[in-house]
Amino acid sequence: MAPAGRSRRVTELEKWGHRAKAIDLPGQGQDQTPLGKVTLDTMVDRIVAALTELPGRVVLVGHSLAGMAISAAAENVLDRATARALAPRQRPPFSDGLHWWTG
């Protein structure tokens, strides 16, 4: 997600009373991982590593390819991930903007 979009999502989540942290996945944003080393596994590893810096249980939120990555990462941290959310590019008129799966 572009920095402006990511910033809006973080701000929106914080407005709802959540602590939010945006991370650059390998090959995304400001990350400098060579494209030949960018895989779903390296994205999952980055997400799981970021969780070590956060206390308690978490809700993982991702957009597009990051949606696949958070789903895979959640399988590695079932004791910490309370839910996964896929954030659409544009909010449908009938939605609150996030699609939730709880597990």
C-alpha atoms as a PDB file:
ATOM      1  CA  MET A   1       0.000   0.000   0.000  1.00  0.00           C
ATOM      2  CA  ALA A   2       1.303   3.466  -0.801  1.00  0.00           C
ATOM      3  CA  PRO A   3       2.543   5.454   2.215  1.00  0.00           C
ATOM      4  CA  ALA A   4      -0.418   7.872   2.048  1.00  0.00           C
ATOM      5  CA  GLY A   5      -2.923   4.998   2.028  1.00  0.00           C
ATOM      6  CA  ARG A   6      -1.083   3.187   4.787  1.00  0.00           C
ATOM      7  CA  SER A   7      -1.005   6.370   6.864  1.00  0.00           C
ATOM      8  CA  ARG A   8      -4.768   6.819   6.427  1.00  0.00           C
ATOM      9  CA  ARG A   9      -5.409   3.227   7.520  1.00  0.00           C
ATOM     10  CA  VAL A  10      -3.217   3.589  10.608  1.00  0.00           C
ATOM     11  CA  THR A  11      -4.928   6.877  11.498  1.00  0.00           C
ATOM     12  CA  GLU A  12      -8.362   5.334  11.021  1.00  0.00           C
ATOM     13  CA  LEU A  13      -7.553   2.317  13.193  1.00  0.00           C
ATOM     14  CA  GLU A  14      -6.080   4.544  15.912  1.00  0.00           C
ATOM     15  CA  LYS A  15      -9.215   6.698  15.794  1.00  0.00           C
ATOM     16  CA  TRP A  16     -11.187   3.532  16.635  1.00  0.00           C
ATOM     17  CA  GLY A  17      -9.010   3.042  19.717  1.00  0.00           C
ATOM     18  CA  HIS A  18      -6.551   0.509  18.303  1.00  0.00           C
ATOM     19  CA  ARG A  19      -2.778   0.660  18.358  1.00  0.00           C
ATOM     20  CA  ALA A  20      -1.589   0.276  14.782  1.00  0.00           C
ATOM     21  CA  LYS A  21       1.767  -0.424  13.201  1.00  0.00           C
ATOM     22  CA  ALA A  22       2.452  -0.400   9.469  1.00  0.00           C
ATOM     23  CA  ILE A  23       5.391  -2.407   8.164  1.00  0.00           C
ATOM     24  CA  ASP A  24       7.031  -2.564   4.755  1.00  0.00           C
ATOM     25  CA  LEU A  25       6.998  -6.113   3.483  1.00  0.00           C
ATOM     26  CA  PRO A  26       9.928  -7.375   1.396  1.00  0.00           C
ATOM     27  CA  GLY A  27       9.859  -5.667  -1.997  1.00  0.00           C
ATOM     28  CA  GLN A  28       7.207  -3.164  -0.884  1.00  0.00           C
ATOM     29  CA  GLY A  29       7.310   0.459   0.252  1.00  0.00           C
ATOM     30  CA  GLN A  30      10.773   1.549   1.358  1.00  0.00           C
ATOM     31  CA  ASP A  31      12.109  -1.999   1.758  1.00  0.00           C
ATOM     32  CA  GLN A  32      15.279  -2.700  -0.227  1.00  0.00           C
ATOM     33  CA  THR A  33      15.054  -6.501  -0.476  1.00  0.00           C
ATOM     34  CA  PRO A  34      16.177  -7.547  -3.980  1.00  0.00           C
ATOM     35  CA  LEU A  35      13.145  -8.639  -5.995  1.00  0.00           C
ATOM     36  CA  GLY A  36      14.687 -12.067  -6.602  1.00  0.00           C
ATOM     37  CA  LYS A  37      14.501 -12.699  -2.844  1.00  0.00           C
ATOM     38  CA  VAL A  38      10.906 -11.537  -2.398  1.00  0.00           C
ATOM     39  CA  THR A  39       8.628 -14.509  -1.693  1.00  0.00           C
ATOM     40  CA  LEU A  40       5.522 -15.177   0.318  1.00  0.00           C
ATOM     41  CA  ASP A  41       7.782 -16.843   2.895  1.00  0.00           C
ATOM     42  CA  THR A  42       9.965 -13.716   3.294  1.00  0.00           C
ATOM     43  CA  MET A  43       6.810 -11.626   3.718  1.00  0.00           C
ATOM     44  CA  VAL A  44       5.476 -14.013   6.366  1.00  0.00           C
ATOM     45  CA  ASP A  45       8.840 -13.949   8.164  1.00  0.00           C
ATOM     46  CA  ARG A  46       8.768 -10.126   8.216  1.00  0.00           C
ATOM     47  CA  ILE A  47       5.256 -10.072   9.688  1.00  0.00           C
ATOM     48  CA  VAL A  48       6.080 -12.663  12.340  1.00  0.00           C
ATOM     49  CA  ALA A  49       9.263 -10.751  13.249  1.00  0.00           C
ATOM     50  CA  ALA A  50       7.297  -7.495  13.592  1.00  0.00           C
ATOM     51  CA  LEU A  51       4.939  -9.214  16.025  1.00  0.00           C
ATOM     52  CA  THR A  52       7.812  -9.803  18.447  1.00  0.00           C
ATOM     53  CA  GLU A  53       7.872  -6.021  19.003  1.00  0.00           C
ATOM     54  CA  LEU A  54       4.160  -5.859  19.886  1.00  0.00           C
ATOM     55  CA  PRO A  55       2.599  -6.919  23.188  1.00  0.00           C
ATOM     56  CA  GLY A  56      -0.430  -9.159  23.493  1.00  0.00           C
ATOM     57  CA  ARG A  57      -2.866 -10.354  20.855  1.00  0.00           C
ATOM     58  CA  VAL A  58      -3.095  -8.680  17.451  1.00  0.00           C
ATOM     59  CA  VAL A  59      -5.378  -8.190  14.476  1.00  0.00           C
ATOM     60  CA  LEU A  60      -3.516  -8.483  11.188  1.00  0.00           C
ATOM     61  CA  VAL A  61      -4.673  -6.166   8.393  1.00  0.00           C
ATOM     62  CA  GLY A  62      -3.488  -6.442   4.802  1.00  0.00           C
ATOM     63  CA  HIS A  63      -4.349  -5.193   1.342  1.00  0.00           C
ATOM     64  CA  SER A  64      -3.954  -7.141  -1.901  1.00  0.00           C
ATOM     65  CA  LEU A  65      -0.805  -9.301  -1.783  1.00  0.00           C
ATOM     66  CA  ALA A  66      -0.357  -8.414   1.890  1.00  0.00           C
ATOM     67  CA  GLY A  67      -3.746 -10.041   2.472  1.00  0.00           C
ATOM     68  CA  MET A  68      -2.256 -13.371   1.426  1.00  0.00           C
ATOM     69  CA  ALA A  69       0.800 -12.716   3.562  1.00  0.00           C
ATOM     70  CA  ILE A  70      -1.172 -11.920   6.727  1.00  0.00           C
ATOM     71  CA  SER A  71      -3.309 -15.023   6.247  1.00  0.00           C
ATOM     72  CA  ALA A  72      -0.192 -17.181   5.994  1.00  0.00           C
ATOM     73  CA  ALA A  73       1.484 -15.382   8.918  1.00  0.00           C
ATOM     74  CA  ALA A  74      -1.583 -15.861  11.106  1.00  0.00           C
ATOM     75  CA  GLU A  75      -1.167 -19.612  10.734  1.00  0.00           C
ATOM     76  CA  ASN A  76       2.284 -19.239  12.366  1.00  0.00           C
ATOM     77  CA  VAL A  77       1.042 -17.129  15.269  1.00  0.00           C
ATOM     78  CA  LEU A  78      -2.362 -18.615  16.085  1.00  0.00           C
ATOM     79  CA  ASP A  79      -1.795 -17.873  19.769  1.00  0.00           C
ATOM     80  CA  ARG A  80      -1.363 -14.137  19.001  1.00  0.00           C
ATOM     81  CA  ALA A  81      -3.555 -13.339  15.981  1.00  0.00           C
ATOM     82  CA  THR A  82      -7.173 -12.885  17.025  1.00  0.00           C
ATOM     83  CA  ALA A  83      -8.399 -11.934  13.546  1.00  0.00           C
ATOM     84  CA  ARG A  84      -7.363 -11.117   9.996  1.00  0.00           C
ATOM     85  CA  ALA A  85      -8.775  -8.246   7.956  1.00  0.00           C
ATOM     86  CA  LEU A  86      -8.504  -7.557   4.255  1.00  0.00           C
ATOM     87  CA  ALA A  87      -8.588  -3.847   3.527  1.00  0.00           C
ATOM     88  CA  PRO A  88     -10.086  -3.042   0.100  1.00  0.00           C
ATOM     89  CA  ARG A  89      -8.602  -0.361  -2.129  1.00  0.00           C
ATOM     90  CA  GLN A  90     -11.851   1.611  -2.072  1.00  0.00           C
ATOM     91  CA  ARG A  91     -14.593   1.302   0.493  1.00  0.00           C
ATOM     92  CA  PRO A  92     -17.789  -0.198  -0.929  1.00  0.00           C
ATOM     93  CA  PRO A  93     -20.886   1.825   0.016  1.00  0.00           C
ATOM     94  CA  PHE A  94     -22.341  -1.130   1.953  1.00  0.00           C
ATOM     95  CA  SER A  95     -19.229  -1.848   4.017  1.00  0.00           C
ATOM     96  CA  ASP A  96     -17.341  -0.446   6.964  1.00  0.00           C
ATOM     97  CA  GLY A  97     -14.211  -0.838   4.812  1.00  0.00           C
ATOM     98  CA  LEU A  98     -12.758  -3.945   6.413  1.00  0.00           C
ATOM     99  CA  HIS A  99     -13.664  -7.582   5.826  1.00  0.00           C
ATOM    100  CA  TRP A 100     -13.080  -9.651   8.971  1.00  0.00           C
ATOM    101  CA  TRP A 101     -12.268 -13.285   9.541  1.00  0.00           C
ATOM    102  CA  THR A 102     -11.996 -14.398  13.140  1.00  0.00           C
ATOM    103  CA  GLY A 103     -10.339 -17.524  14.271  1.00  0.00           C
END
